[in-house]
Full PDB file with SEQRES, HELIX, SHEET, SSBOND, CRYST1, ORIGX, SCALE, CONECT and MASTER records, all heavy atoms in Angstrom:
SEQRES   1 A   42  GLY GLY SER LEU ARG LEU SER CYS ALA ALA ASP VAL SER          
SEQRES   2 A   42  ALA PHE ARG PHE TYR VAL MET GLY TRP PHE ARG GLN THR          
SEQRES   3 A   42  PRO GLY LYS GLN ARG GLU TRP VAL ALA TRP ILE THR GLY          
SEQRES   4 A   42  GLY ASP SER                                                  
HELIX    1 AA1 PHE A   15  PHE A   17  5                                   3    
SHEET    1 AA1 2 MET A  20  ARG A  24  0                                        
SHEET    2 AA1 2 GLU A  32  ILE A  37 -1                                        
CRYST1    1.000    1.000    1.000  90.00  90.00  90.00 P 1           1          
ORIGX1      1.000000  0.000000  0.000000        0.00000                         
ORIGX2      0.000000  1.000000  0.000000        0.00000                         
ORIGX3      0.000000  0.000000  1.000000        0.00000                         
SCALE1      1.000000  0.000000  0.000000        0.00000                         
SCALE2      0.000000  1.000000  0.000000        0.00000                         
SCALE3      0.000000  0.000000  1.000000        0.00000                         
ATOM      1  N   GLY A   1     -13.631  17.411  12.121  1.00  0.00           N  
ATOM      2  CA  GLY A   1     -14.873  17.264  12.830  1.00  0.00           C  
ATOM      3  C   GLY A   1     -16.039  16.557  11.976  1.00  0.00           C  
ATOM      4  O   GLY A   1     -17.069  16.222  12.548  1.00  0.00           O  
ATOM      5  N   GLY A   2     -15.690  16.340  10.717  1.00  0.00           N  
ATOM      6  CA  GLY A   2     -16.672  15.817   9.892  1.00  0.00           C  
ATOM      7  C   GLY A   2     -16.700  14.247   9.878  1.00  0.00           C  
ATOM      8  O   GLY A   2     -15.995  13.678  10.687  1.00  0.00           O  
ATOM      9  N   SER A   3     -17.473  13.665   8.973  1.00  0.00           N  
ATOM     10  CA  SER A   3     -17.650  12.235   8.959  1.00  0.00           C  
ATOM     11  C   SER A   3     -17.617  11.643   7.584  1.00  0.00           C  
ATOM     12  O   SER A   3     -17.839  12.344   6.592  1.00  0.00           O  
ATOM     13  CB  SER A   3     -18.968  11.788   9.569  1.00  0.00           C  
ATOM     14  OG  SER A   3     -19.166  12.165  10.889  1.00  0.00           O  
ATOM     15  N   LEU A   4     -17.130  10.472   7.511  1.00  0.00           N  
ATOM     16  CA  LEU A   4     -17.135   9.674   6.241  1.00  0.00           C  
ATOM     17  C   LEU A   4     -17.490   8.269   6.602  1.00  0.00           C  
ATOM     18  O   LEU A   4     -17.184   7.791   7.703  1.00  0.00           O  
ATOM     19  CB  LEU A   4     -15.678   9.677   5.535  1.00  0.00           C  
ATOM     20  CG  LEU A   4     -15.250  11.033   4.807  1.00  0.00           C  
ATOM     21  CD1 LEU A   4     -13.826  10.825   4.365  1.00  0.00           C  
ATOM     22  CD2 LEU A   4     -16.157  11.238   3.616  1.00  0.00           C  
ATOM     23  N   ARG A   5     -18.039   7.625   5.548  1.00  0.00           N  
ATOM     24  CA  ARG A   5     -18.250   6.163   5.659  1.00  0.00           C  
ATOM     25  C   ARG A   5     -17.613   5.385   4.516  1.00  0.00           C  
ATOM     26  O   ARG A   5     -17.972   5.661   3.476  1.00  0.00           O  
ATOM     27  CB  ARG A   5     -19.784   5.890   5.674  1.00  0.00           C  
ATOM     28  CG  ARG A   5     -20.184   4.416   6.027  1.00  0.00           C  
ATOM     29  CD  ARG A   5     -21.725   4.183   6.069  1.00  0.00           C  
ATOM     30  NE  ARG A   5     -21.999   2.896   6.515  1.00  0.00           N  
ATOM     31  CZ  ARG A   5     -22.258   2.532   7.785  1.00  0.00           C  
ATOM     32  NH1 ARG A   5     -22.251   3.453   8.774  1.00  0.00           N  
ATOM     33  NH2 ARG A   5     -22.565   1.367   8.080  1.00  0.00           N  
ATOM     34  N   LEU A   6     -16.686   4.563   4.874  1.00  0.00           N  
ATOM     35  CA  LEU A   6     -16.003   3.753   3.914  1.00  0.00           C  
ATOM     36  C   LEU A   6     -16.719   2.377   3.778  1.00  0.00           C  
ATOM     37  O   LEU A   6     -17.182   1.897   4.770  1.00  0.00           O  
ATOM     38  CB  LEU A   6     -14.498   3.489   4.325  1.00  0.00           C  
ATOM     39  CG  LEU A   6     -13.659   4.745   4.624  1.00  0.00           C  
ATOM     40  CD1 LEU A   6     -12.262   4.349   4.995  1.00  0.00           C  
ATOM     41  CD2 LEU A   6     -13.724   5.723   3.463  1.00  0.00           C  
ATOM     42  N   SER A   7     -16.545   1.769   2.567  1.00  0.00           N  
ATOM     43  CA  SER A   7     -17.211   0.546   2.420  1.00  0.00           C  
ATOM     44  C   SER A   7     -16.155  -0.305   1.644  1.00  0.00           C  
ATOM     45  O   SER A   7     -15.481   0.138   0.805  1.00  0.00           O  
ATOM     46  CB  SER A   7     -18.518   0.609   1.609  1.00  0.00           C  
ATOM     47  OG  SER A   7     -19.105  -0.585   1.467  1.00  0.00           O  
ATOM     48  N   CYS A   8     -16.250  -1.621   1.936  1.00  0.00           N  
ATOM     49  CA  CYS A   8     -15.382  -2.591   1.200  1.00  0.00           C  
ATOM     50  C   CYS A   8     -16.262  -3.726   0.813  1.00  0.00           C  
ATOM     51  O   CYS A   8     -16.969  -4.292   1.586  1.00  0.00           O  
ATOM     52  CB  CYS A   8     -14.271  -3.100   2.137  1.00  0.00           C  
ATOM     53  SG  CYS A   8     -13.351  -4.385   1.593  1.00  0.00           S  
ATOM     54  N   ALA A   9     -16.291  -3.947  -0.530  1.00  0.00           N  
ATOM     55  CA  ALA A   9     -17.045  -5.053  -1.112  1.00  0.00           C  
ATOM     56  C   ALA A   9     -16.090  -6.262  -1.420  1.00  0.00           C  
ATOM     57  O   ALA A   9     -15.019  -6.057  -2.053  1.00  0.00           O  
ATOM     58  CB  ALA A   9     -17.716  -4.613  -2.385  1.00  0.00           C  
ATOM     59  N   ALA A  10     -16.399  -7.363  -0.871  1.00  0.00           N  
ATOM     60  CA  ALA A  10     -15.586  -8.618  -1.089  1.00  0.00           C  
ATOM     61  C   ALA A  10     -16.075  -9.611  -2.003  1.00  0.00           C  
ATOM     62  O   ALA A  10     -17.262 -10.084  -1.923  1.00  0.00           O  
ATOM     63  CB  ALA A  10     -15.384  -9.236   0.407  1.00  0.00           C  
ATOM     64  N   ASP A  11     -15.291  -9.988  -3.016  1.00  0.00           N  
ATOM     65  CA  ASP A  11     -15.640 -11.029  -3.928  1.00  0.00           C  
ATOM     66  C   ASP A  11     -15.038 -12.295  -3.393  1.00  0.00           C  
ATOM     67  O   ASP A  11     -13.898 -12.645  -3.656  1.00  0.00           O  
ATOM     68  CB  ASP A  11     -15.036 -10.708  -5.375  1.00  0.00           C  
ATOM     69  CG  ASP A  11     -15.408 -11.815  -6.386  1.00  0.00           C  
ATOM     70  OD1 ASP A  11     -16.221 -12.670  -6.050  1.00  0.00           O  
ATOM     71  OD2 ASP A  11     -14.664 -11.776  -7.416  1.00  0.00           O  
ATOM     72  N   VAL A  12     -15.871 -13.058  -2.524  1.00  0.00           N  
ATOM     73  CA  VAL A  12     -15.384 -14.139  -1.848  1.00  0.00           C  
ATOM     74  C   VAL A  12     -16.589 -15.154  -1.660  1.00  0.00           C  
ATOM     75  O   VAL A  12     -17.673 -14.720  -1.372  1.00  0.00           O  
ATOM     76  CB  VAL A  12     -14.808 -13.802  -0.459  1.00  0.00           C  
ATOM     77  CG1 VAL A  12     -15.727 -13.020   0.464  1.00  0.00           C  
ATOM     78  CG2 VAL A  12     -14.263 -15.043   0.277  1.00  0.00           C  
ATOM     79  N   SER A  13     -16.274 -16.437  -1.640  1.00  0.00           N  
ATOM     80  CA  SER A  13     -17.298 -17.373  -1.575  1.00  0.00           C  
ATOM     81  C   SER A  13     -17.847 -17.720  -0.136  1.00  0.00           C  
ATOM     82  O   SER A  13     -18.873 -18.287   0.020  1.00  0.00           O  
ATOM     83  CB  SER A  13     -16.874 -18.700  -2.209  1.00  0.00           C  
ATOM     84  OG  SER A  13     -15.778 -19.284  -1.582  1.00  0.00           O  
ATOM     85  N   ALA A  14     -16.931 -17.399   0.804  1.00  0.00           N  
ATOM     86  CA  ALA A  14     -17.356 -17.797   2.214  1.00  0.00           C  
ATOM     87  C   ALA A  14     -16.989 -16.569   3.130  1.00  0.00           C  
ATOM     88  O   ALA A  14     -16.180 -16.677   4.004  1.00  0.00           O  
ATOM     89  CB  ALA A  14     -16.562 -18.916   2.643  1.00  0.00           C  
ATOM     90  N   PHE A  15     -17.579 -15.442   2.795  1.00  0.00           N  
ATOM     91  CA  PHE A  15     -17.315 -14.198   3.481  1.00  0.00           C  
ATOM     92  C   PHE A  15     -17.382 -14.255   5.071  1.00  0.00           C  
ATOM     93  O   PHE A  15     -16.595 -13.658   5.751  1.00  0.00           O  
ATOM     94  CB  PHE A  15     -18.227 -13.062   2.984  1.00  0.00           C  
ATOM     95  CG  PHE A  15     -18.004 -11.757   3.563  1.00  0.00           C  
ATOM     96  CD1 PHE A  15     -16.910 -10.957   3.146  1.00  0.00           C  
ATOM     97  CD2 PHE A  15     -18.906 -11.252   4.566  1.00  0.00           C  
ATOM     98  CE1 PHE A  15     -16.711  -9.689   3.763  1.00  0.00           C  
ATOM     99  CE2 PHE A  15     -18.687 -10.024   5.091  1.00  0.00           C  
ATOM    100  CZ  PHE A  15     -17.558  -9.256   4.746  1.00  0.00           C  
ATOM    101  N   ARG A  16     -18.304 -15.000   5.586  1.00  0.00           N  
ATOM    102  CA  ARG A  16     -18.635 -15.089   6.978  1.00  0.00           C  
ATOM    103  C   ARG A  16     -17.451 -15.683   7.739  1.00  0.00           C  
ATOM    104  O   ARG A  16     -17.405 -15.371   8.989  1.00  0.00           O  
ATOM    105  CB  ARG A  16     -19.911 -15.715   7.233  1.00  0.00           C  
ATOM    106  CG  ARG A  16     -19.843 -17.169   6.993  1.00  0.00           C  
ATOM    107  CD  ARG A  16     -21.282 -17.878   7.224  1.00  0.00           C  
ATOM    108  NE  ARG A  16     -21.236 -19.309   7.060  1.00  0.00           N  
ATOM    109  CZ  ARG A  16     -21.071 -20.168   8.051  1.00  0.00           C  
ATOM    110  NH1 ARG A  16     -20.855 -19.765   9.240  1.00  0.00           N  
ATOM    111  NH2 ARG A  16     -21.117 -21.455   7.799  1.00  0.00           N  
ATOM    112  N   PHE A  17     -16.514 -16.424   7.133  1.00  0.00           N  
ATOM    113  CA  PHE A  17     -15.461 -17.062   7.745  1.00  0.00           C  
ATOM    114  C   PHE A  17     -14.274 -16.072   7.908  1.00  0.00           C  
ATOM    115  O   PHE A  17     -13.331 -16.389   8.595  1.00  0.00           O  
ATOM    116  CB  PHE A  17     -15.033 -18.348   7.066  1.00  0.00           C  
ATOM    117  CG  PHE A  17     -16.070 -19.378   7.177  1.00  0.00           C  
ATOM    118  CD1 PHE A  17     -16.601 -19.940   6.102  1.00  0.00           C  
ATOM    119  CD2 PHE A  17     -16.370 -19.945   8.434  1.00  0.00           C  
ATOM    120  CE1 PHE A  17     -17.464 -21.028   6.173  1.00  0.00           C  
ATOM    121  CE2 PHE A  17     -17.289 -20.862   8.541  1.00  0.00           C  
ATOM    122  CZ  PHE A  17     -17.799 -21.454   7.474  1.00  0.00           C  
ATOM    123  N   TYR A  18     -14.270 -14.976   7.193  1.00  0.00           N  
ATOM    124  CA  TYR A  18     -13.147 -14.069   7.162  1.00  0.00           C  
ATOM    125  C   TYR A  18     -13.195 -13.019   8.181  1.00  0.00           C  
ATOM    126  O   TYR A  18     -14.245 -12.476   8.566  1.00  0.00           O  
ATOM    127  CB  TYR A  18     -13.012 -13.404   5.811  1.00  0.00           C  
ATOM    128  CG  TYR A  18     -12.559 -14.126   4.679  1.00  0.00           C  
ATOM    129  CD1 TYR A  18     -13.290 -15.076   4.061  1.00  0.00           C  
ATOM    130  CD2 TYR A  18     -11.191 -14.014   4.259  1.00  0.00           C  
ATOM    131  CE1 TYR A  18     -12.905 -15.831   3.011  1.00  0.00           C  
ATOM    132  CE2 TYR A  18     -10.695 -14.768   3.243  1.00  0.00           C  
ATOM    133  CZ  TYR A  18     -11.484 -15.680   2.565  1.00  0.00           C  
ATOM    134  OH  TYR A  18     -11.116 -16.418   1.494  1.00  0.00           O  
ATOM    135  N   VAL A  19     -12.082 -12.797   8.873  1.00  0.00           N  
ATOM    136  CA  VAL A  19     -11.849 -11.645   9.761  1.00  0.00           C  
ATOM    137  C   VAL A  19     -11.598 -10.479   8.802  1.00  0.00           C  
ATOM    138  O   VAL A  19     -10.583 -10.517   8.067  1.00  0.00           O  
ATOM    139  CB  VAL A  19     -10.813 -11.827  10.800  1.00  0.00           C  
ATOM    140  CG1 VAL A  19     -10.587 -10.573  11.550  1.00  0.00           C  
ATOM    141  CG2 VAL A  19     -11.115 -13.037  11.728  1.00  0.00           C  
ATOM    142  N   MET A  20     -12.440  -9.496   8.919  1.00  0.00           N  
ATOM    143  CA  MET A  20     -12.164  -8.272   8.029  1.00  0.00           C  
ATOM    144  C   MET A  20     -11.691  -7.123   8.889  1.00  0.00           C  
ATOM    145  O   MET A  20     -11.943  -6.904  10.058  1.00  0.00           O  
ATOM    146  CB  MET A  20     -13.569  -7.887   7.520  1.00  0.00           C  
ATOM    147  CG  MET A  20     -14.315  -9.036   6.660  1.00  0.00           C  
ATOM    148  SD  MET A  20     -13.299  -9.486   5.267  1.00  0.00           S  
ATOM    149  CE  MET A  20     -13.174  -7.938   4.335  1.00  0.00           C  
ATOM    150  N   GLY A  21     -10.764  -6.358   8.265  1.00  0.00           N  
ATOM    151  CA  GLY A  21     -10.181  -5.307   9.012  1.00  0.00           C  
ATOM    152  C   GLY A  21      -9.988  -4.069   8.097  1.00  0.00           C  
ATOM    153  O   GLY A  21     -10.018  -4.119   6.862  1.00  0.00           O  
ATOM    154  N   TRP A  22      -9.680  -2.868   8.746  1.00  0.00           N  
ATOM    155  CA  TRP A  22      -9.321  -1.736   8.062  1.00  0.00           C  
ATOM    156  C   TRP A  22      -7.958  -1.407   8.554  1.00  0.00           C  
ATOM    157  O   TRP A  22      -7.691  -1.317   9.848  1.00  0.00           O  
ATOM    158  CB  TRP A  22     -10.292  -0.619   8.358  1.00  0.00           C  
ATOM    159  CG  TRP A  22     -11.611  -0.718   7.613  1.00  0.00           C  
ATOM    160  CD1 TRP A  22     -12.742  -1.289   8.042  1.00  0.00           C  
ATOM    161  CD2 TRP A  22     -11.883  -0.400   6.207  1.00  0.00           C  
ATOM    162  NE1 TRP A  22     -13.691  -1.224   7.074  1.00  0.00           N  
ATOM    163  CE2 TRP A  22     -13.152  -0.676   6.009  1.00  0.00           C  
ATOM    164  CE3 TRP A  22     -11.012   0.211   5.186  1.00  0.00           C  
ATOM    165  CZ2 TRP A  22     -13.707  -0.424   4.671  1.00  0.00           C  
ATOM    166  CZ3 TRP A  22     -11.639   0.454   4.018  1.00  0.00           C  
ATOM    167  CH2 TRP A  22     -12.965   0.145   3.712  1.00  0.00           C  
ATOM    168  N   PHE A  23      -7.108  -0.925   7.658  1.00  0.00           N  
ATOM    169  CA  PHE A  23      -5.765  -0.363   7.969  1.00  0.00           C  
ATOM    170  C   PHE A  23      -5.608   0.955   7.251  1.00  0.00           C  
ATOM    171  O   PHE A  23      -6.373   1.225   6.294  1.00  0.00           O  
ATOM    172  CB  PHE A  23      -4.605  -1.393   7.464  1.00  0.00           C  
ATOM    173  CG  PHE A  23      -4.540  -2.603   8.256  1.00  0.00           C  
ATOM    174  CD1 PHE A  23      -5.615  -3.585   8.276  1.00  0.00           C  
ATOM    175  CD2 PHE A  23      -3.336  -2.887   9.037  1.00  0.00           C  
ATOM    176  CE1 PHE A  23      -5.480  -4.765   8.923  1.00  0.00           C  
ATOM    177  CE2 PHE A  23      -3.285  -4.058   9.746  1.00  0.00           C  
ATOM    178  CZ  PHE A  23      -4.310  -5.028   9.771  1.00  0.00           C  
ATOM    179  N   ARG A  24      -4.664   1.722   7.653  1.00  0.00           N  
ATOM    180  CA  ARG A  24      -4.358   2.993   6.946  1.00  0.00           C  
ATOM    181  C   ARG A  24      -2.874   3.270   6.930  1.00  0.00           C  
ATOM    182  O   ARG A  24      -2.057   2.713   7.748  1.00  0.00           O  
ATOM    183  CB  ARG A  24      -5.054   4.085   7.726  1.00  0.00           C  
ATOM    184  CG  ARG A  24      -4.669   4.379   9.102  1.00  0.00           C  
ATOM    185  CD  ARG A  24      -5.629   5.416   9.765  1.00  0.00           C  
ATOM    186  NE  ARG A  24      -5.122   5.712  11.153  1.00  0.00           N  
ATOM    187  CZ  ARG A  24      -5.770   6.554  12.010  1.00  0.00           C  
ATOM    188  NH1 ARG A  24      -6.931   7.082  11.623  1.00  0.00           N  
ATOM    189  NH2 ARG A  24      -5.321   6.797  13.196  1.00  0.00           N  
ATOM    190  N   GLN A  25      -2.516   4.068   5.935  1.00  0.00           N  
ATOM    191  CA  GLN A  25      -1.128   4.287   5.637  1.00  0.00           C  
ATOM    192  C   GLN A  25      -0.881   5.644   5.154  1.00  0.00           C  
ATOM    193  O   GLN A  25      -1.710   6.128   4.207  1.00  0.00           O  
ATOM    194  CB  GLN A  25      -0.574   3.254   4.698  1.00  0.00           C  
ATOM    195  CG  GLN A  25       1.023   3.293   4.625  1.00  0.00           C  
ATOM    196  CD  GLN A  25       1.487   2.135   3.734  1.00  0.00           C  
ATOM    197  OE1 GLN A  25       0.782   1.534   3.001  1.00  0.00           O  
ATOM    198  NE2 GLN A  25       2.702   1.698   4.146  1.00  0.00           N  
ATOM    199  N   THR A  26       0.091   6.410   5.678  1.00  0.00           N  
ATOM    200  CA  THR A  26       0.464   7.711   5.055  1.00  0.00           C  
ATOM    201  C   THR A  26       1.980   7.531   4.437  1.00  0.00           C  
ATOM    202  O   THR A  26       2.633   6.605   4.922  1.00  0.00           O  
ATOM    203  CB  THR A  26       0.467   8.773   6.075  1.00  0.00           C  
ATOM    204  OG1 THR A  26       1.336   8.500   7.230  1.00  0.00           O  
ATOM    205  CG2 THR A  26      -0.922   9.028   6.725  1.00  0.00           C  
ATOM    206  N   PRO A  27       2.311   8.411   3.591  1.00  0.00           N  
ATOM    207  CA  PRO A  27       3.602   8.255   2.938  1.00  0.00           C  
ATOM    208  C   PRO A  27       4.760   8.244   3.997  1.00  0.00           C  
ATOM    209  O   PRO A  27       4.778   9.047   4.934  1.00  0.00           O  
ATOM    210  CB  PRO A  27       3.704   9.537   2.056  1.00  0.00           C  
ATOM    211  CG  PRO A  27       2.360   9.806   1.725  1.00  0.00           C  
ATOM    212  CD  PRO A  27       1.536   9.487   2.932  1.00  0.00           C  
ATOM    213  N   GLY A  28       5.636   7.297   3.911  1.00  0.00           N  
ATOM    214  CA  GLY A  28       6.825   7.267   4.777  1.00  0.00           C  
ATOM    215  C   GLY A  28       6.513   6.548   6.116  1.00  0.00           C  
ATOM    216  O   GLY A  28       7.436   6.467   6.999  1.00  0.00           O  
ATOM    217  N   LYS A  29       5.371   6.068   6.350  1.00  0.00           N  
ATOM    218  CA  LYS A  29       5.017   5.445   7.536  1.00  0.00           C  
ATOM    219  C   LYS A  29       4.532   3.972   7.266  1.00  0.00           C  
ATOM    220  O   LYS A  29       4.108   3.611   6.181  1.00  0.00           O  
ATOM    221  CB  LYS A  29       3.878   6.183   8.299  1.00  0.00           C  
ATOM    222  CG  LYS A  29       4.229   7.584   8.616  1.00  0.00           C  
ATOM    223  CD  LYS A  29       3.107   8.294   9.397  1.00  0.00           C  
ATOM    224  CE  LYS A  29       2.808   7.593  10.738  1.00  0.00           C  
ATOM    225  NZ  LYS A  29       1.698   8.279  11.446  1.00  0.00           N  
ATOM    226  N   GLN A  30       4.645   3.182   8.368  1.00  0.00           N  
ATOM    227  CA  GLN A  30       4.217   1.846   8.348  1.00  0.00           C  
ATOM    228  C   GLN A  30       2.657   1.750   8.262  1.00  0.00           C  
ATOM    229  O   GLN A  30       1.979   2.712   8.672  1.00  0.00           O  
ATOM    230  CB  GLN A  30       4.592   1.061   9.551  1.00  0.00           C  
ATOM    231  CG  GLN A  30       6.103   0.729   9.602  1.00  0.00           C  
ATOM    232  CD  GLN A  30       6.525  -0.296   8.694  1.00  0.00           C  
ATOM    233  OE1 GLN A  30       5.743  -1.287   8.453  1.00  0.00           O  
ATOM    234  NE2 GLN A  30       7.836  -0.235   8.231  1.00  0.00           N  
ATOM    235  N   ARG A  31       2.133   0.715   7.640  1.00  0.00           N  
ATOM    236  CA  ARG A  31       0.626   0.617   7.558  1.00  0.00           C  
ATOM    237  C   ARG A  31       0.222   0.277   9.022  1.00  0.00           C  
ATOM    238  O   ARG A  31       0.668  -0.578   9.670  1.00  0.00           O  
ATOM    239  CB  ARG A  31       0.265  -0.566   6.605  1.00  0.00           C  
ATOM    240  CG  ARG A  31      -1.199  -0.578   6.354  1.00  0.00           C  
ATOM    241  CD  ARG A  31      -1.544  -1.633   5.162  1.00  0.00           C  
ATOM    242  NE  ARG A  31      -0.999  -1.058   3.954  1.00  0.00           N  
ATOM    243  CZ  ARG A  31      -1.158  -1.661   2.742  1.00  0.00           C  
ATOM    244  NH1 ARG A  31      -1.877  -2.684   2.627  1.00  0.00           N  
ATOM    245  NH2 ARG A  31      -0.681  -1.067   1.693  1.00  0.00           N  
ATOM    246  N   GLU A  32      -0.777   1.023   9.369  1.00  0.00           N  
ATOM    247  CA  GLU A  32      -1.336   0.921  10.680  1.00  0.00           C  
ATOM    248  C   GLU A  32      -2.689   0.298  10.811  1.00  0.00           C  
ATOM    249  O   GLU A  32      -3.626   0.611  10.103  1.00  0.00           O  
ATOM    250  CB  GLU A  32      -1.477   2.355  11.379  1.00  0.00           C  
ATOM    251  CG  GLU A  32      -2.128   2.531  12.663  1.00  0.00           C  
ATOM    252  CD  GLU A  32      -2.470   3.892  13.052  1.00  0.00           C  
ATOM    253  OE1 GLU A  32      -2.660   4.757  12.094  1.00  0.00           O  
ATOM    254  OE2 GLU A  32      -2.601   4.211  14.292  1.00  0.00           O  
ATOM    255  N   TRP A  33      -2.766  -0.710  11.746  1.00  0.00           N  
ATOM    256  CA  TRP A  33      -4.138  -1.302  11.972  1.00  0.00           C  
ATOM    257  C   TRP A  33      -5.077  -0.326  12.564  1.00  0.00           C  
ATOM    258  O   TRP A  33      -4.713   0.451  13.439  1.00  0.00           O  
ATOM    259  CB  TRP A  33      -3.977  -2.536  12.897  1.00  0.00           C  
ATOM    260  CG  TRP A  33      -5.227  -3.020  13.325  1.00  0.00           C  
ATOM    261  CD1 TRP A  33      -6.182  -3.705  12.690  1.00  0.00           C  
ATOM    262  CD2 TRP A  33      -5.682  -3.009  14.725  1.00  0.00           C  
ATOM    263  NE1 TRP A  33      -7.273  -4.077  13.515  1.00  0.00           N  
ATOM    264  CE2 TRP A  33      -7.001  -3.599  14.822  1.00  0.00           C  
ATOM    265  CE3 TRP A  33      -5.229  -2.427  15.898  1.00  0.00           C  
ATOM    266  CZ2 TRP A  33      -7.785  -3.731  15.947  1.00  0.00           C  
ATOM    267  CZ3 TRP A  33      -6.001  -2.544  17.055  1.00  0.00           C  
ATOM    268  CH2 TRP A  33      -7.165  -3.189  17.109  1.00  0.00           C  
ATOM    269  N   VAL A  34      -6.366  -0.310  12.073  1.00  0.00           N  
ATOM    270  CA  VAL A  34      -7.383   0.563  12.641  1.00  0.00           C  
ATOM    271  C   VAL A  34      -8.483  -0.197  13.280  1.00  0.00           C  
ATOM    272  O   VAL A  34      -8.722   0.168  14.523  1.00  0.00           O  
ATOM    273  CB  VAL A  34      -7.970   1.422  11.482  1.00  0.00           C  
ATOM    274  CG1 VAL A  34      -9.209   2.166  11.962  1.00  0.00           C  
ATOM    275  CG2 VAL A  34      -6.971   2.237  10.816  1.00  0.00           C  
ATOM    276  N   ALA A  35      -8.983  -1.201  12.713  1.00  0.00           N  
ATOM    277  CA  ALA A  35     -10.063  -1.962  13.371  1.00  0.00           C  
ATOM    278  C   ALA A  35     -10.199  -3.306  12.688  1.00  0.00           C  
ATOM    279  O   ALA A  35      -9.829  -3.529  11.513  1.00  0.00           O  
ATOM    280  CB  ALA A  35     -11.403  -1.209  13.232  1.00  0.00           C  
ATOM    281  N   TRP A  36     -10.837  -4.307  13.408  1.00  0.00           N  
ATOM    282  CA  TRP A  36     -11.139  -5.547  12.827  1.00  0.00           C  
ATOM    283  C   TRP A  36     -12.544  -6.004  13.322  1.00  0.00           C  
ATOM    284  O   TRP A  36     -13.003  -5.563  14.390  1.00  0.00           O  
ATOM    285  CB  TRP A  36     -10.099  -6.595  13.023  1.00  0.00           C  
ATOM    286  CG  TRP A  36      -9.659  -7.017  14.364  1.00  0.00           C  
ATOM    287  CD1 TRP A  36      -8.424  -6.703  14.945  1.00  0.00           C  
ATOM    288  CD2 TRP A  36     -10.416  -7.803  15.358  1.00  0.00           C  
ATOM    289  NE1 TRP A  36      -8.412  -7.235  16.202  1.00  0.00           N  
ATOM    290  CE2 TRP A  36      -9.592  -7.952  16.452  1.00  0.00           C  
ATOM    291  CE3 TRP A  36     -11.688  -8.356  15.388  1.00  0.00           C  
ATOM    292  CZ2 TRP A  36      -9.900  -8.622  17.560  1.00  0.00           C  
ATOM    293  CZ3 TRP A  36     -12.030  -9.074  16.546  1.00  0.00           C  
ATOM    294  CH2 TRP A  36     -11.201  -9.118  17.589  1.00  0.00           C  
ATOM    295  N   ILE A  37     -13.065  -6.922  12.608  1.00  0.00           N  
ATOM    296  CA  ILE A  37     -14.428  -7.475  12.941  1.00  0.00           C  
ATOM    297  C   ILE A  37     -14.434  -8.972  12.442  1.00  0.00           C  
ATOM    298  O   ILE A  37     -14.080  -9.286  11.325  1.00  0.00           O  
ATOM    299  CB  ILE A  37     -15.599  -6.661  12.349  1.00  0.00           C  
ATOM    300  CG1 ILE A  37     -16.906  -7.176  12.830  1.00  0.00           C  
ATOM    301  CG2 ILE A  37     -15.543  -6.558  10.832  1.00  0.00           C  
ATOM    302  CD1 ILE A  37     -18.109  -6.255  12.515  1.00  0.00           C  
ATOM    303  N   THR A  38     -14.931  -9.801  13.371  1.00  0.00           N  
ATOM    304  CA  THR A  38     -15.111 -11.195  13.116  1.00  0.00           C  
ATOM    305  C   THR A  38     -16.447 -11.484  12.370  1.00  0.00           C  
ATOM    306  O   THR A  38     -17.327 -10.598  12.338  1.00  0.00           O  
ATOM    307  CB  THR A  38     -14.973 -12.032  14.304  1.00  0.00           C  
ATOM    308  OG1 THR A  38     -16.110 -11.866  15.107  1.00  0.00           O  
ATOM    309  CG2 THR A  38     -13.720 -11.693  15.161  1.00  0.00           C  
ATOM    310  N   GLY A  39     -16.593 -12.706  11.914  1.00  0.00           N  
ATOM    311  CA  GLY A  39     -17.881 -13.084  11.337  1.00  0.00           C  
ATOM    312  C   GLY A  39     -19.046 -13.032  12.247  1.00  0.00           C  
ATOM    313  O   GLY A  39     -20.131 -12.827  11.863  1.00  0.00           O  
ATOM    314  N   GLY A  40     -18.736 -13.144  13.532  1.00  0.00           N  
ATOM    315  CA  GLY A  40     -19.787 -13.025  14.593  1.00  0.00           C  
ATOM    316  C   GLY A  40     -19.905 -11.712  15.131  1.00  0.00           C  
ATOM    317  O   GLY A  40     -20.474 -11.577  16.228  1.00  0.00           O  
ATOM    318  N   ASP A  41     -19.276 -10.655  14.555  1.00  0.00           N  
ATOM    319  CA  ASP A  41     -19.377  -9.222  14.896  1.00  0.00           C  
ATOM    320  C   ASP A  41     -18.740  -8.866  16.165  1.00  0.00           C  
ATOM    321  O   ASP A  41     -19.001  -7.818  16.716  1.00  0.00           O  
ATOM    322  CB  ASP A  41     -20.946  -8.818  14.933  1.00  0.00           C  
ATOM    323  CG  ASP A  41     -21.696  -8.913  13.658  1.00  0.00           C  
ATOM    324  OD1 ASP A  41     -20.962  -8.689  12.658  1.00  0.00           O  
ATOM    325  OD2 ASP A  41     -22.909  -8.982  13.688  1.00  0.00           O  
ATOM    326  N   SER A  42     -17.724  -9.617  16.557  1.00  0.00           N  
ATOM    327  CA  SER A  42     -16.827  -9.124  17.608  1.00  0.00           C  
ATOM    328  C   SER A  42     -15.890  -8.069  16.936  1.00  0.00           C  
ATOM    329  O   SER A  42     -15.411  -8.272  15.876  1.00  0.00           O  
ATOM    330  CB  SER A  42     -16.026 -10.223  18.145  1.00  0.00           C  
ATOM    331  OG  SER A  42     -16.809 -11.128  18.847  1.00  0.00           O  
TER     332      SER A  42                                                      
MASTER        0    0    0    1    2    0    0    6  331    1    0    4          
END                                                                             
């Protein structure tokens, strides 16, 4: 029921062109897509 805020800092010269995403993985399971966001905030 609680909350956390994760942050990702990118060392990149053209960050706005990258589609950024979050994935998650537990032992023995495939890495799972969680969310993505485009440079235009879609």
